[in-house]
Amino acid sequence: MQTGPTMRTRKSQKRYIDGEHGLSTKECPFCDLTNKDPREIYEETEYFYRAENIYGYDIWDGHVVSEHQMIVPKRHIATLSEMTHNEDIEYLTLLKSAELNGYCAYTRGIHGVTKSVAHIHTHLIKLDDEKQIKGLFFNRKPHIVLFRASNR
C-alpha cells in the first residue's frame, strides 16, 4: 500500500496485488508494452509510450484521481540519468504536453522505498478539481481506506 500523497482503495489495491503485473517473474512488466500488456496505449513516440495505468491511484494530494497514465521508456532503463540526449528531449516534450493537458507528473527515484518496478516510469495524474478529500481513515492491515470527497 502506498501511503502519503498516493493511495488506492481496498478494491484497487486488491486488483494491484492480484495482477502483480509481472512483479513475481523475472520479466519486466513495462518492456514491450504493445505485445503483452492489456493497458491502452494513448501515444507512441520513438522512445516512449504514454499509456494507461491499469493499477492507478484513487487519491493523490488530497483529491480524487480522475485519470492516471504513465510515460514509459521503450527500452529498459532504471533511472532518468540513463536516458540519451534524444530521449531527454522527447521525455521533456511529453511532460510539457501532459502538463498543458492538466496532469501532474511524478517519478520515483531508484532509491525510492515505494518503487515497485525497476523500469523507470513517470506517473501522469489528473485530479478531479471538484472532489477534494474532506475526511480520510486509513488502516494498513487489513487494508482499509475510507474517505469522503466533497464537491467544492
Protein backbone atom coordinates (compact mmCIF):
# COMPACT_ATOMS: atom_id res chain seq x y z
CA MET A 1 0.00 0.00 0.00
CA GLN A 2 1.28 3.41 -0.92
CA THR A 3 0.99 5.96 1.84
CA GLY A 4 1.47 9.68 1.86
CA PRO A 5 0.13 11.61 -1.12
CA THR A 6 -0.92 8.45 -3.01
CA MET A 7 -3.49 5.84 -2.07
CA ARG A 8 -5.60 3.11 -3.57
CA THR A 9 -8.95 1.99 -2.28
CA ARG A 10 -9.24 -1.56 -0.99
CA LYS A 11 -10.72 -2.74 -4.32
CA SER A 12 -7.95 -1.07 -6.36
CA GLN A 13 -5.24 -2.41 -4.05
CA LYS A 14 -6.64 -5.95 -4.39
CA ARG A 15 -6.61 -5.64 -8.18
CA TYR A 16 -2.99 -4.40 -7.99
CA ILE A 17 -1.88 -7.27 -5.77
CA ASP A 18 -3.83 -9.90 -7.74
CA GLY A 19 -2.47 -8.57 -11.02
CA GLU A 20 1.12 -8.44 -9.81
CA HIS A 21 1.85 -7.00 -13.30
CA GLY A 22 4.84 -9.30 -13.73
CA LEU A 23 6.50 -8.44 -10.42
CA SER A 24 6.77 -12.07 -9.35
CA THR A 25 8.57 -13.05 -12.55
CA LYS A 26 11.96 -12.02 -13.86
CA GLU A 27 10.26 -10.41 -16.84
CA CYS A 28 9.81 -6.63 -16.72
CA PRO A 29 6.14 -5.57 -16.87
CA PHE A 30 6.94 -2.45 -18.92
CA CYS A 31 9.23 -3.88 -21.59
CA ASP A 32 7.37 -4.32 -24.89
CA LEU A 33 4.00 -2.95 -23.76
CA THR A 34 2.39 -3.37 -27.18
CA ASN A 35 2.67 -7.16 -27.27
CA LYS A 36 1.74 -8.41 -23.81
CA ASP A 37 0.08 -5.73 -21.75
CA PRO A 38 -3.69 -5.11 -21.54
CA ARG A 39 -3.36 -1.37 -20.94
CA GLU A 40 -4.39 1.15 -23.55
CA ILE A 41 -1.55 2.99 -25.25
CA TYR A 42 -2.57 6.59 -25.94
CA GLU A 43 0.60 7.68 -27.70
CA GLU A 44 3.72 6.02 -29.04
CA THR A 45 6.80 8.05 -29.85
CA GLU A 46 10.23 6.95 -30.97
CA TYR A 47 11.45 6.28 -27.42
CA PHE A 48 8.37 6.22 -25.18
CA TYR A 49 4.81 5.07 -24.63
CA ARG A 50 2.16 7.19 -22.94
CA ALA A 51 -0.14 4.52 -21.56
CA GLU A 52 -2.97 3.91 -19.14
CA ASN A 53 -2.00 2.93 -15.61
CA ILE A 54 -4.27 -0.08 -15.03
CA TYR A 55 -3.30 -0.07 -11.35
CA GLY A 56 -3.76 3.67 -10.85
CA TYR A 57 -4.18 5.61 -7.65
CA ASP A 58 -7.57 6.71 -6.34
CA ILE A 59 -6.30 9.57 -4.15
CA TRP A 60 -3.44 11.99 -4.83
CA ASP A 61 -2.54 15.02 -2.71
CA GLY A 62 -5.93 15.11 -1.04
CA HIS A 63 -8.03 14.88 -4.21
CA VAL A 64 -9.83 12.14 -6.09
CA VAL A 65 -7.87 10.98 -9.17
CA SER A 66 -9.86 11.21 -12.40
CA GLU A 67 -7.18 9.83 -14.77
CA HIS A 68 -3.87 8.05 -14.27
CA GLN A 69 -1.46 7.48 -17.15
CA MET A 70 2.27 6.81 -17.39
CA ILE A 71 5.20 7.73 -19.59
CA VAL A 72 7.28 4.57 -20.04
CA PRO A 73 10.58 4.29 -21.95
CA LYS A 74 10.55 1.59 -24.61
CA ARG A 75 13.98 0.36 -23.62
CA HIS A 76 14.62 -0.96 -20.15
CA ILE A 77 16.35 1.67 -18.06
CA ALA A 78 16.30 2.03 -14.30
CA THR A 79 17.00 5.75 -13.88
CA LEU A 80 16.41 9.03 -15.67
CA SER A 81 20.19 9.52 -15.79
CA GLU A 82 20.47 6.56 -18.20
CA MET A 83 18.48 8.38 -20.89
CA THR A 84 20.25 9.53 -24.02
CA HIS A 85 20.13 13.16 -25.13
CA ASN A 86 17.40 12.36 -27.69
CA GLU A 87 15.37 10.51 -25.06
CA ASP A 88 15.75 13.51 -22.71
CA ILE A 89 14.30 15.84 -25.33
CA GLU A 90 11.39 13.54 -26.17
CA TYR A 91 10.66 12.89 -22.48
CA LEU A 92 10.57 16.59 -21.67
CA THR A 93 8.29 17.21 -24.66
CA LEU A 94 5.87 14.54 -23.37
CA LEU A 95 5.95 16.05 -19.87
CA LYS A 96 5.23 19.54 -21.21
CA SER A 97 2.28 18.23 -23.21
CA ALA A 98 0.90 16.38 -20.19
CA GLU A 99 1.21 19.46 -18.01
CA LEU A 100 -0.64 21.58 -20.57
CA ASN A 101 -3.42 18.95 -20.55
CA GLY A 102 -3.89 19.16 -16.76
CA TYR A 103 -1.69 16.31 -15.50
CA CYS A 104 0.66 16.30 -12.53
CA ALA A 105 3.87 14.31 -13.09
CA TYR A 106 5.63 12.10 -10.53
CA THR A 107 8.63 9.82 -10.90
CA ARG A 108 10.10 7.73 -8.10
CA GLY A 109 13.88 7.68 -7.95
CA ILE A 110 15.80 4.42 -7.99
CA HIS A 111 16.22 4.59 -4.20
CA GLY A 112 12.53 5.31 -3.51
CA VAL A 113 11.25 2.96 -0.82
CA THR A 114 7.87 2.51 -2.55
CA LYS A 115 9.30 1.89 -6.04
CA SER A 116 7.89 -1.44 -7.23
CA VAL A 117 9.25 -1.70 -10.80
CA ALA A 118 12.91 -1.25 -11.78
CA HIS A 119 11.93 0.09 -15.22
CA ILE A 120 11.73 3.89 -14.78
CA HIS A 121 8.30 5.37 -15.47
CA THR A 122 6.55 8.65 -14.77
CA HIS A 123 3.04 8.82 -13.38
CA LEU A 124 0.72 11.33 -15.05
CA ILE A 125 -2.13 12.10 -12.69
CA LYS A 126 -5.18 14.24 -13.41
CA LEU A 127 -7.15 15.31 -10.36
CA ASP A 128 -10.88 15.84 -10.11
CA ASP A 129 -10.91 19.52 -9.19
CA GLU A 130 -14.44 19.19 -7.87
CA LYS A 131 -13.74 16.32 -5.45
CA GLN A 132 -11.41 17.24 -2.61
CA ILE A 133 -10.94 14.73 0.21
CA LYS A 134 -12.55 16.14 3.37
CA GLY A 135 -12.12 13.13 5.63
CA LEU A 136 -9.80 10.12 5.43
CA PHE A 137 -9.36 6.98 7.53
CA PHE A 138 -6.55 4.58 6.64
CA ASN A 139 -5.74 1.25 8.24
CA ARG A 140 -2.82 -0.71 6.78
CA LYS A 141 -3.84 -4.23 7.85
CA PRO A 142 -6.41 -5.17 6.88
CA HIS A 143 -6.19 -2.72 4.01
CA ILE A 144 -8.96 -0.20 4.55
CA VAL A 145 -9.21 3.27 3.07
CA LEU A 146 -12.35 5.21 3.82
CA PHE A 147 -12.70 8.73 2.56
CA ARG A 148 -15.31 11.34 1.94
CA ALA A 149 -14.89 13.63 -1.02
CA SER A 150 -16.98 16.70 -1.28
CA ASN A 151 -17.61 18.99 -4.18
CA ARG A 152 -16.12 22.41 -3.75
